[in-house]
Amino acid sequence: MRLSLPLVVSLLPIISACITAPAVVIENHTLSLVVDDPAASVEQLRSIASDTAGFIEDSSVSFSAFEVPDGTVYQATLTMRVPLHYLQQTLTRMKAGAIEVGYYYVSRQDFTLEYDLLESRRGELEQSRDELLSLIDEKYAQPPDTILANDLLHVLETELHSVESRMQHLEDEAALPYISVELIPIEVHRLTVP
């Protein structure tokens, strides 16, 4: 099949937009690490988060009785957020500080289509807002028309704010992946292995 030159030329902007548009993918990493001391490991992970401009969003250390000499075993969980460009470095450091990786799971959700639709809607709303503002500014606008135009302007700006908020939320989530970590002490790991 051969495409005519005008068709190819008209498709170039579309193809270019598809190639250059950034993907908006939200990643969640979940892993279990076997460590000597879960409470101490939480502090090490806090340090890793700080080193990579990330932060600990949630953490807990708990204990329960298992069949170990002192009858008490501490376990810990935490959720960390790190900038995307530090993700692999952070995961590597976390795994290197553990005795063993119990499991590792990654989930990815692609929001690129939603983001592109939001971006398009934002452009439409901004254009409508600008046209409405120019109508309001015209000297011959009558008071009833101005009141109606201001009401419409409020509706447009409310929707525009909602669209921009959702876009910002998706950008933030994609830029700061979640890492959920379960820290299991070596004693428990040894007991559960057949």
C-alpha atoms as a PDB file:
ATOM      1  CA  MET A   1       0.000   0.000   0.000  1.00  0.00           C
ATOM      2  CA  ARG A   2       1.376   3.433  -0.942  1.00  0.00           C
ATOM      3  CA  LEU A   3       0.494   6.619   0.886  1.00  0.00           C
ATOM      4  CA  SER A   4       0.132   9.890  -0.971  1.00  0.00           C
ATOM      5  CA  LEU A   5       2.524  12.711  -0.053  1.00  0.00           C
ATOM      6  CA  PRO A   6      -0.234  15.026   1.326  1.00  0.00           C
ATOM      7  CA  LEU A   7      -1.445  12.228   3.616  1.00  0.00           C
ATOM      8  CA  VAL A   8       2.068  11.514   4.887  1.00  0.00           C
ATOM      9  CA  VAL A   9       2.696  15.219   5.502  1.00  0.00           C
ATOM     10  CA  SER A  10      -0.597  15.557   7.411  1.00  0.00           C
ATOM     11  CA  LEU A  11       0.233  12.505   9.547  1.00  0.00           C
ATOM     12  CA  LEU A  12       3.693  13.772  10.560  1.00  0.00           C
ATOM     13  CA  PRO A  13       2.492  16.040  13.417  1.00  0.00           C
ATOM     14  CA  ILE A  14       0.375  13.197  14.816  1.00  0.00           C
ATOM     15  CA  ILE A  15       3.247  10.712  14.603  1.00  0.00           C
ATOM     16  CA  SER A  16       5.627  13.252  16.135  1.00  0.00           C
ATOM     17  CA  ALA A  17       3.249  13.924  19.029  1.00  0.00           C
ATOM     18  CA  CYS A  18       2.900  10.196  19.711  1.00  0.00           C
ATOM     19  CA  ILE A  19       6.667   9.694  19.720  1.00  0.00           C
ATOM     20  CA  THR A  20       7.521  12.708  21.885  1.00  0.00           C
ATOM     21  CA  ALA A  21       4.621  12.587  24.361  1.00  0.00           C
ATOM     22  CA  PRO A  22       5.939  11.373  27.717  1.00  0.00           C
ATOM     23  CA  ALA A  23       4.340   8.298  29.225  1.00  0.00           C
ATOM     24  CA  VAL A  24       2.618   8.769  32.562  1.00  0.00           C
ATOM     25  CA  VAL A  25       3.144   5.476  34.379  1.00  0.00           C
ATOM     26  CA  ILE A  26       2.605   4.987  38.106  1.00  0.00           C
ATOM     27  CA  GLU A  27       4.762   2.256  39.628  1.00  0.00           C
ATOM     28  CA  ASN A  28       4.344   0.396  42.916  1.00  0.00           C
ATOM     29  CA  HIS A  29       7.190  -1.819  44.112  1.00  0.00           C
ATOM     30  CA  THR A  30       6.572  -4.358  46.870  1.00  0.00           C
ATOM     31  CA  LEU A  31       9.317  -6.432  48.422  1.00  0.00           C
ATOM     32  CA  SER A  32      10.126  -8.543  51.441  1.00  0.00           C
ATOM     33  CA  LEU A  33      13.617  -8.380  52.890  1.00  0.00           C
ATOM     34  CA  VAL A  34      15.129 -10.808  55.364  1.00  0.00           C
ATOM     35  CA  VAL A  35      17.317  -8.829  57.788  1.00  0.00           C
ATOM     36  CA  ASP A  36      19.123  -9.265  61.112  1.00  0.00           C
ATOM     37  CA  ASP A  37      17.311  -6.423  62.882  1.00  0.00           C
ATOM     38  CA  PRO A  38      14.110  -4.973  61.354  1.00  0.00           C
ATOM     39  CA  ALA A  39      14.062  -1.907  63.632  1.00  0.00           C
ATOM     40  CA  ALA A  40      17.655  -1.017  62.673  1.00  0.00           C
ATOM     41  CA  SER A  41      16.843  -1.671  59.012  1.00  0.00           C
ATOM     42  CA  VAL A  42      13.996   0.875  59.176  1.00  0.00           C
ATOM     43  CA  GLU A  43      16.541   3.506  60.221  1.00  0.00           C
ATOM     44  CA  GLN A  44      18.876   2.450  57.389  1.00  0.00           C
ATOM     45  CA  LEU A  45      16.000   2.805  54.921  1.00  0.00           C
ATOM     46  CA  ARG A  46      15.203   6.256  56.322  1.00  0.00           C
ATOM     47  CA  SER A  47      18.795   7.208  55.569  1.00  0.00           C
ATOM     48  CA  ILE A  48      18.530   5.817  52.022  1.00  0.00           C
ATOM     49  CA  ALA A  49      15.317   7.794  51.462  1.00  0.00           C
ATOM     50  CA  SER A  50      16.994  10.965  52.705  1.00  0.00           C
ATOM     51  CA  ASP A  51      20.051  10.391  50.478  1.00  0.00           C
ATOM     52  CA  THR A  52      17.847  10.127  47.391  1.00  0.00           C
ATOM     53  CA  ALA A  53      15.564  13.122  48.111  1.00  0.00           C
ATOM     54  CA  GLY A  54      12.794  10.679  48.988  1.00  0.00           C
ATOM     55  CA  PHE A  55      10.801  10.192  52.178  1.00  0.00           C
ATOM     56  CA  ILE A  56       9.165   7.544  54.335  1.00  0.00           C
ATOM     57  CA  GLU A  57       5.416   7.884  54.008  1.00  0.00           C
ATOM     58  CA  ASP A  58       4.425   5.240  56.534  1.00  0.00           C
ATOM     59  CA  SER A  59       6.270   2.836  58.844  1.00  0.00           C
ATOM     60  CA  SER A  60       5.628   0.511  61.749  1.00  0.00           C
ATOM     61  CA  VAL A  61       7.623  -1.880  63.905  1.00  0.00           C
ATOM     62  CA  SER A  62       5.783  -4.623  65.749  1.00  0.00           C
ATOM     63  CA  PHE A  63       6.621  -7.758  67.651  1.00  0.00           C
ATOM     64  CA  SER A  64       5.003 -11.127  68.162  1.00  0.00           C
ATOM     65  CA  ALA A  65       5.969 -14.392  69.820  1.00  0.00           C
ATOM     66  CA  PHE A  66       7.546 -17.087  67.685  1.00  0.00           C
ATOM     67  CA  GLU A  67       9.518 -20.194  68.537  1.00  0.00           C
ATOM     68  CA  VAL A  68      12.793 -18.403  69.109  1.00  0.00           C
ATOM     69  CA  PRO A  69      15.026 -18.370  72.222  1.00  0.00           C
ATOM     70  CA  ASP A  70      13.741 -15.094  73.710  1.00  0.00           C
ATOM     71  CA  GLY A  71      10.153 -15.548  72.490  1.00  0.00           C
ATOM     72  CA  THR A  72       9.943 -12.124  70.819  1.00  0.00           C
ATOM     73  CA  VAL A  73      10.585 -11.263  67.189  1.00  0.00           C
ATOM     74  CA  TYR A  74      10.387  -7.751  65.784  1.00  0.00           C
ATOM     75  CA  GLN A  75       9.043  -7.179  62.293  1.00  0.00           C
ATOM     76  CA  ALA A  76       8.672  -3.927  60.382  1.00  0.00           C
ATOM     77  CA  THR A  77       6.900  -2.497  57.359  1.00  0.00           C
ATOM     78  CA  LEU A  78       7.306   0.806  55.612  1.00  0.00           C
ATOM     79  CA  THR A  79       6.303   2.681  52.515  1.00  0.00           C
ATOM     80  CA  MET A  80       8.908   4.864  50.853  1.00  0.00           C
ATOM     81  CA  ARG A  81       8.583   7.385  48.028  1.00  0.00           C
ATOM     82  CA  VAL A  82      11.650   8.232  45.939  1.00  0.00           C
ATOM     83  CA  PRO A  83      12.131  10.270  42.761  1.00  0.00           C
ATOM     84  CA  LEU A  84      11.886   8.096  39.664  1.00  0.00           C
ATOM     85  CA  HIS A  85      15.496   8.767  38.609  1.00  0.00           C
ATOM     86  CA  TYR A  86      16.705   7.331  41.961  1.00  0.00           C
ATOM     87  CA  LEU A  87      14.423   4.286  41.913  1.00  0.00           C
ATOM     88  CA  GLN A  88      16.872   1.629  40.674  1.00  0.00           C
ATOM     89  CA  GLN A  89      19.691   2.954  42.856  1.00  0.00           C
ATOM     90  CA  THR A  90      17.388   2.852  45.900  1.00  0.00           C
ATOM     91  CA  LEU A  91      16.182  -0.687  45.187  1.00  0.00           C
ATOM     92  CA  THR A  92      19.758  -1.873  44.692  1.00  0.00           C
ATOM     93  CA  ARG A  93      20.849  -0.373  48.026  1.00  0.00           C
ATOM     94  CA  MET A  94      17.836  -1.844  49.828  1.00  0.00           C
ATOM     95  CA  LYS A  95      18.492  -5.329  48.470  1.00  0.00           C
ATOM     96  CA  ALA A  96      22.237  -5.073  49.178  1.00  0.00           C
ATOM     97  CA  GLY A  97      21.514  -4.301  52.846  1.00  0.00           C
ATOM     98  CA  ALA A  98      19.409  -7.428  53.285  1.00  0.00           C
ATOM     99  CA  ILE A  99      20.439 -11.007  53.932  1.00  0.00           C
ATOM    100  CA  GLU A 100      17.959 -12.165  51.336  1.00  0.00           C
ATOM    101  CA  VAL A 101      15.079 -10.901  49.204  1.00  0.00           C
ATOM    102  CA  GLY A 102      11.968 -12.890  50.116  1.00  0.00           C
ATOM    103  CA  TYR A 103       9.912 -11.613  47.170  1.00  0.00           C
ATOM    104  CA  TYR A 104       9.757  -8.675  44.820  1.00  0.00           C
ATOM    105  CA  TYR A 105       6.733  -7.499  42.851  1.00  0.00           C
ATOM    106  CA  VAL A 106       6.179  -4.492  40.571  1.00  0.00           C
ATOM    107  CA  SER A 107       2.830  -3.161  39.408  1.00  0.00           C
ATOM    108  CA  ARG A 108       2.560  -0.487  36.745  1.00  0.00           C
ATOM    109  CA  GLN A 109      -0.484   1.518  35.706  1.00  0.00           C
ATOM    110  CA  ASP A 110      -0.301   3.538  32.515  1.00  0.00           C
ATOM    111  CA  PHE A 111      -2.256   6.802  32.733  1.00  0.00           C
ATOM    112  CA  THR A 112      -0.846   8.293  29.521  1.00  0.00           C
ATOM    113  CA  LEU A 113      -4.177   8.221  27.656  1.00  0.00           C
ATOM    114  CA  GLU A 114      -6.035   9.856  30.546  1.00  0.00           C
ATOM    115  CA  TYR A 115      -3.300  12.483  30.867  1.00  0.00           C
ATOM    116  CA  ASP A 116      -3.418  13.245  27.127  1.00  0.00           C
ATOM    117  CA  LEU A 117      -7.213  13.646  27.263  1.00  0.00           C
ATOM    118  CA  LEU A 118      -6.886  15.943  30.276  1.00  0.00           C
ATOM    119  CA  GLU A 119      -4.250  18.004  28.461  1.00  0.00           C
ATOM    120  CA  SER A 120      -6.548  18.351  25.467  1.00  0.00           C
ATOM    121  CA  ARG A 121      -9.482  19.321  27.695  1.00  0.00           C
ATOM    122  CA  ARG A 122      -7.312  21.896  29.481  1.00  0.00           C
ATOM    123  CA  GLY A 123      -6.495  23.505  26.119  1.00  0.00           C
ATOM    124  CA  GLU A 124     -10.184  23.672  25.205  1.00  0.00           C
ATOM    125  CA  LEU A 125     -11.104  25.191  28.582  1.00  0.00           C
ATOM    126  CA  GLU A 126      -8.310  27.765  28.401  1.00  0.00           C
ATOM    127  CA  GLN A 127      -9.408  28.811  24.917  1.00  0.00           C
ATOM    128  CA  SER A 128     -13.053  29.121  26.022  1.00  0.00           C
ATOM    129  CA  ARG A 129     -12.007  31.102  29.086  1.00  0.00           C
ATOM    130  CA  ASP A 130      -9.899  33.505  27.024  1.00  0.00           C
ATOM    131  CA  GLU A 131     -12.738  34.048  24.519  1.00  0.00           C
ATOM    132  CA  LEU A 132     -15.174  34.669  27.364  1.00  0.00           C
ATOM    133  CA  LEU A 133     -12.811  37.142  29.038  1.00  0.00           C
ATOM    134  CA  SER A 134     -12.505  39.080  25.797  1.00  0.00           C
ATOM    135  CA  LEU A 135     -16.320  39.230  25.539  1.00  0.00           C
ATOM    136  CA  ILE A 136     -16.584  40.486  29.130  1.00  0.00           C
ATOM    137  CA  ASP A 137     -13.996  43.181  28.405  1.00  0.00           C
ATOM    138  CA  GLU A 138     -15.869  44.512  25.379  1.00  0.00           C
ATOM    139  CA  LYS A 139     -17.339  47.930  26.101  1.00  0.00           C
ATOM    140  CA  TYR A 140     -20.727  47.221  24.580  1.00  0.00           C
ATOM    141  CA  ALA A 141     -21.489  44.266  26.877  1.00  0.00           C
ATOM    142  CA  GLN A 142     -24.747  44.852  28.767  1.00  0.00           C
ATOM    143  CA  PRO A 143     -24.973  44.175  32.544  1.00  0.00           C
ATOM    144  CA  PRO A 144     -27.212  41.072  32.180  1.00  0.00           C
ATOM    145  CA  ASP A 145     -24.803  39.670  29.580  1.00  0.00           C
ATOM    146  CA  THR A 146     -21.849  40.406  31.861  1.00  0.00           C
ATOM    147  CA  ILE A 147     -23.492  38.600  34.790  1.00  0.00           C
ATOM    148  CA  LEU A 148     -24.183  35.542  32.624  1.00  0.00           C
ATOM    149  CA  ALA A 149     -20.647  35.637  31.222  1.00  0.00           C
ATOM    150  CA  ASN A 150     -19.191  35.838  34.744  1.00  0.00           C
ATOM    151  CA  ASP A 151     -21.256  32.821  35.798  1.00  0.00           C
ATOM    152  CA  LEU A 152     -20.005  30.880  32.782  1.00  0.00           C
ATOM    153  CA  LEU A 153     -16.462  32.010  33.552  1.00  0.00           C
ATOM    154  CA  HIS A 154     -16.780  30.618  37.085  1.00  0.00           C
ATOM    155  CA  VAL A 155     -17.953  27.243  35.714  1.00  0.00           C
ATOM    156  CA  LEU A 156     -15.055  27.132  33.225  1.00  0.00           C
ATOM    157  CA  GLU A 157     -12.467  28.045  35.847  1.00  0.00           C
ATOM    158  CA  THR A 158     -13.834  25.438  38.275  1.00  0.00           C
ATOM    159  CA  GLU A 159     -13.552  22.692  35.653  1.00  0.00           C
ATOM    160  CA  LEU A 160     -10.124  23.958  34.581  1.00  0.00           C
ATOM    161  CA  HIS A 161      -8.916  23.804  38.189  1.00  0.00           C
ATOM    162  CA  SER A 162     -10.233  20.232  38.493  1.00  0.00           C
ATOM    163  CA  VAL A 163      -8.480  19.156  35.277  1.00  0.00           C
ATOM    164  CA  GLU A 164      -5.192  20.788  36.305  1.00  0.00           C
ATOM    165  CA  SER A 165      -5.383  19.219  39.778  1.00  0.00           C
ATOM    166  CA  ARG A 166      -5.835  15.747  38.306  1.00  0.00           C
ATOM    167  CA  MET A 167      -2.944  16.298  35.881  1.00  0.00           C
ATOM    168  CA  GLN A 168      -0.707  17.466  38.732  1.00  0.00           C
ATOM    169  CA  HIS A 169      -1.694  14.445  40.814  1.00  0.00           C
ATOM    170  CA  LEU A 170      -0.781  12.044  37.987  1.00  0.00           C
ATOM    171  CA  GLU A 171       2.541  13.842  37.420  1.00  0.00           C
ATOM    172  CA  ASP A 172       3.399  13.658  41.118  1.00  0.00           C
ATOM    173  CA  GLU A 173       2.461   9.982  41.407  1.00  0.00           C
ATOM    174  CA  ALA A 174       4.508   9.056  38.327  1.00  0.00           C
ATOM    175  CA  ALA A 175       7.510  11.088  39.530  1.00  0.00           C
ATOM    176  CA  LEU A 176       7.566   9.474  43.010  1.00  0.00           C
ATOM    177  CA  PRO A 177       7.077   5.688  42.828  1.00  0.00           C
ATOM    178  CA  TYR A 178       5.976   3.790  45.919  1.00  0.00           C
ATOM    179  CA  ILE A 179       8.225   1.177  47.491  1.00  0.00           C
ATOM    180  CA  SER A 180       6.460  -0.967  50.100  1.00  0.00           C
ATOM    181  CA  VAL A 181       8.857  -3.045  52.193  1.00  0.00           C
ATOM    182  CA  GLU A 182       8.281  -5.845  54.672  1.00  0.00           C
ATOM    183  CA  LEU A 183      11.307  -6.448  56.916  1.00  0.00           C
ATOM    184  CA  ILE A 184      11.420  -9.983  58.288  1.00  0.00           C
ATOM    185  CA  PRO A 185      13.984 -11.066  60.860  1.00  0.00           C
ATOM    186  CA  ILE A 186      16.267 -13.961  59.971  1.00  0.00           C
ATOM    187  CA  GLU A 187      14.923 -16.075  62.865  1.00  0.00           C
ATOM    188  CA  VAL A 188      11.391 -16.118  61.444  1.00  0.00           C
ATOM    189  CA  HIS A 189      12.696 -16.822  57.970  1.00  0.00           C
ATOM    190  CA  ARG A 190      14.609 -19.834  59.232  1.00  0.00           C
ATOM    191  CA  LEU A 191      11.539 -21.165  61.038  1.00  0.00           C
ATOM    192  CA  THR A 192       9.317 -20.898  57.971  1.00  0.00           C
ATOM    193  CA  VAL A 193      11.729 -22.577  55.561  1.00  0.00           C
ATOM    194  CA  PRO A 194      11.037 -26.380  55.376  1.00  0.00           C
END
